[in-house]
Amino acid sequence: MARISLFYILTIIIIASGSIPKGYDEGGFAAVADMPSFLHDFGLLGKQWDGDKHGLIATKANITSFGVLGAAFGAILALAITDKLGRLRTWQTFMAIWMAGFFITTFSSGILGLLLFSRLFSGIGAGGLTVVAPMYLTEIARTKSRGMVVSMYMVMLLSFLMFGFFISYGARKSLAPSREQYRAVLCVPLIPGGIALFFSSFIKDTPRWLASKGRNDEALTVLSRLRGAPPDDPAVKKEYAEIIEQVRDAKQRLSDTTTWQIVKEVATISSYRKRFLLGLAMQTIAQWTGGNGITYYIPTIFRYAGVRSDNISLINSGAYGALKLFFTMIFTWGLIDVFGRRVCFMSGLFLQCITHVYMAVYMGIWIDSHNKAASDAAVASVFIYAVGWSIGLCTIQYLYGTEILPTRIRSVCYATNMTVHWFFQFAVVRATPAMFESLNIWGAYVFWACICFIGLVFLGLWAPETKGVPLERMEELFSGPWYMGWRAKLGPQRDAEDDSLERSPSEDLGSSSEAVQVNMQTKYP
C-alpha cells in the first residue's frame, strides 16, 4: 500500500485553497448581490432607477460579471509568468492579488465605480489561480490517484460555494440590513485565503518544474517528501527517472523556445494540436451548457421555479451547493478513477440535457400557472442538474486540461484554455439575465440543452479515456483521427532506451501525424 505523507496532504490542501476565490464568488458574492442591504447601499433597488429596467439589469449583470472578466485577464497573466516564476510563486502572487481586491470589494461602501474596479482586480487573482492550482496538483499527484488529487480543487471550490449561500442566509436572519450585514458575508473567505497564503511559504514547488529548471537535486528531495519515502526508495527513483527523462527529452527537442514557438508547435504537431483543441472544447462546452450562468443566478432560478420566499430560495441555493459538493466528493474519491473520465462526463451531460429540456417546458407552459406538481418537479430538476454538472464537466474540464498536455506546453496551452474559459464564463454570466428577459426564460434553457447534446456527440467521439495513463505516455492516445479518440488505448510499453534510438529529432518535430506516430503504440481495437 502506498505511503501518504503529511507533507503531501498539506500541500494538496494549501494549493487546492486556490479555488476559494472562484467558489465563494459563485456562492457568497452571488448571494450578497441579491441582498436588500447591498442593493440599497449601491443604489440598485428598482425604485432608484425610475423605471429603467434594462439599465438596472445591465448594471447588476456588470457587477456580477466583472469579476469573471478580470479572471480572464488573470489567466492571460498566468500564461506569461507561470513557467518563469514557478508554480508556487505564481500561486502566491495571485492569491495576494485576489485578497487585496476582495478586501476593497468588501469595503467599497456604496461607491459603484470602486466596486466595479475591485471586482476586476480581485478577478485577476481568481483567474490566475484557476490556471496554476490544477496545474500544480497535476504535477505532484501519483498516476493512479491523479483524478482524485486534481478534483480536490473542485471539492474546495464547491465547499465555499455552499458555505457562501448558508453564511448569507445566516446574515439575513441574524443581522440588521446594513453595510455590516453584507460585509460580514464578504469577509469570510479572506480568513482561509490568508491562512493558506501564510502556510504556502512552508511548501515547495513541483518536482517537474524544478527539474525543468535544472534543479534536479531539489526536485528529488521534494519528490521524496511528497511520497513519504527516502530518495533511494525504488518507487521514488523510478518516478524521478521518468520526470528527468521527460524533461531532458523536452529540452533536447524544444530548447530555447519562446511562447510564440510553442504556439507554432501546437499548430503544426498533430498530437499537440489535438490535445490543445480537446482541452479548449471541454472548457467551451462546459461553460455554454449553462453551468456557471445557473450557479451565479441560482436564487433567482429557484424563484422562477416557484419558490416564493427569499430565505427559502437561499436555503435551496445552499442545498444546491451541498449537493454539488457531495457528488463531487463521490466523483473525486471513487467514480473518476474507477469508472473513468468518459463514463462520468457522458452521464453528466445527459443529466444536464434532460433537466434543461424539462425546465424549458416548465418555463414555457407552467411558470405562471401555480401548478405545484410542476413547480416541485422544476425544483427537483435543478437539483438533478447539479448532480449531472458535479459528476461531469464541472471537474473533468480542469482534469483533462492539465493531464493530457506534456510539461513543455502545459503552461501555455492550459493558460490559454483557462483564458477562453473565463471569457466564455463572463459572456454566459453577463448574458444570462438578458437571455431570461429576451427569450422568456424558456429559450435560454433550450439553448443550453442544445449545447449539452452537441457536447454528448463531439466529446463522446473525441475524448479518450485517460484513467491510469501516466503523463509521460499520454501522447499515445492522440495518434489516430480525432473522431476515433473514444477507442484509443495504450499499447505495450516500450523500453525508453530502445525508443530513443528509433526516434530522430525530425520525427519529433514533424508536422504530419505519421511522424508523430513513429513513437507511439496506440491500438484501435
Foldseek 3Di string as FASTA:
>chain_A
DFDFFPLQVLVLVLLLLLLLVVLLLLAQVLLLLPAPLNCVQQVLDPVSVVNPVVVSLLLSLLLSLLLLVLLLVLLVVLLVPCLPVFLLVLLLVLLVQLLVLLVQCLVVRNDSVSSSVSSSRNSSSSNNSLQRSLQQQQLLDDLLQSLLSSLSSVLSSLVSNLVSLVLLLVLVVPPDSHSVSSSVSSCVSSVVSVVSSVCSVVADGALLSCVLVVNLVVSLVNSCNRRVHDSPPPVSVVVSVLSNVLSVVCCVQQNPHDLVRLVVLCVQAQLSVLLLVLLLLLLLLLQLLCVSLCSSCQLVQLVLLPDPDSSVSSVLSSVLSVLLSVLLNCLSPPVCQPVFQLVQALQLLVLSLVLLLLVLVCLVPPSPVPPVVSSVVNSVSSSSNSNSSSSHSVRVSSVSLNLLDRPVCSSNSSSVSSSSSSVSNSVSSSCVVVCCVPVVPSVSSVSSSVSSVVCSQQCCQAAATCRSPHSSQSSQLRLDDRSNSPQKDADDDDDPVVLVVQADSCLVSGRDSVSVCSNYDIDRD
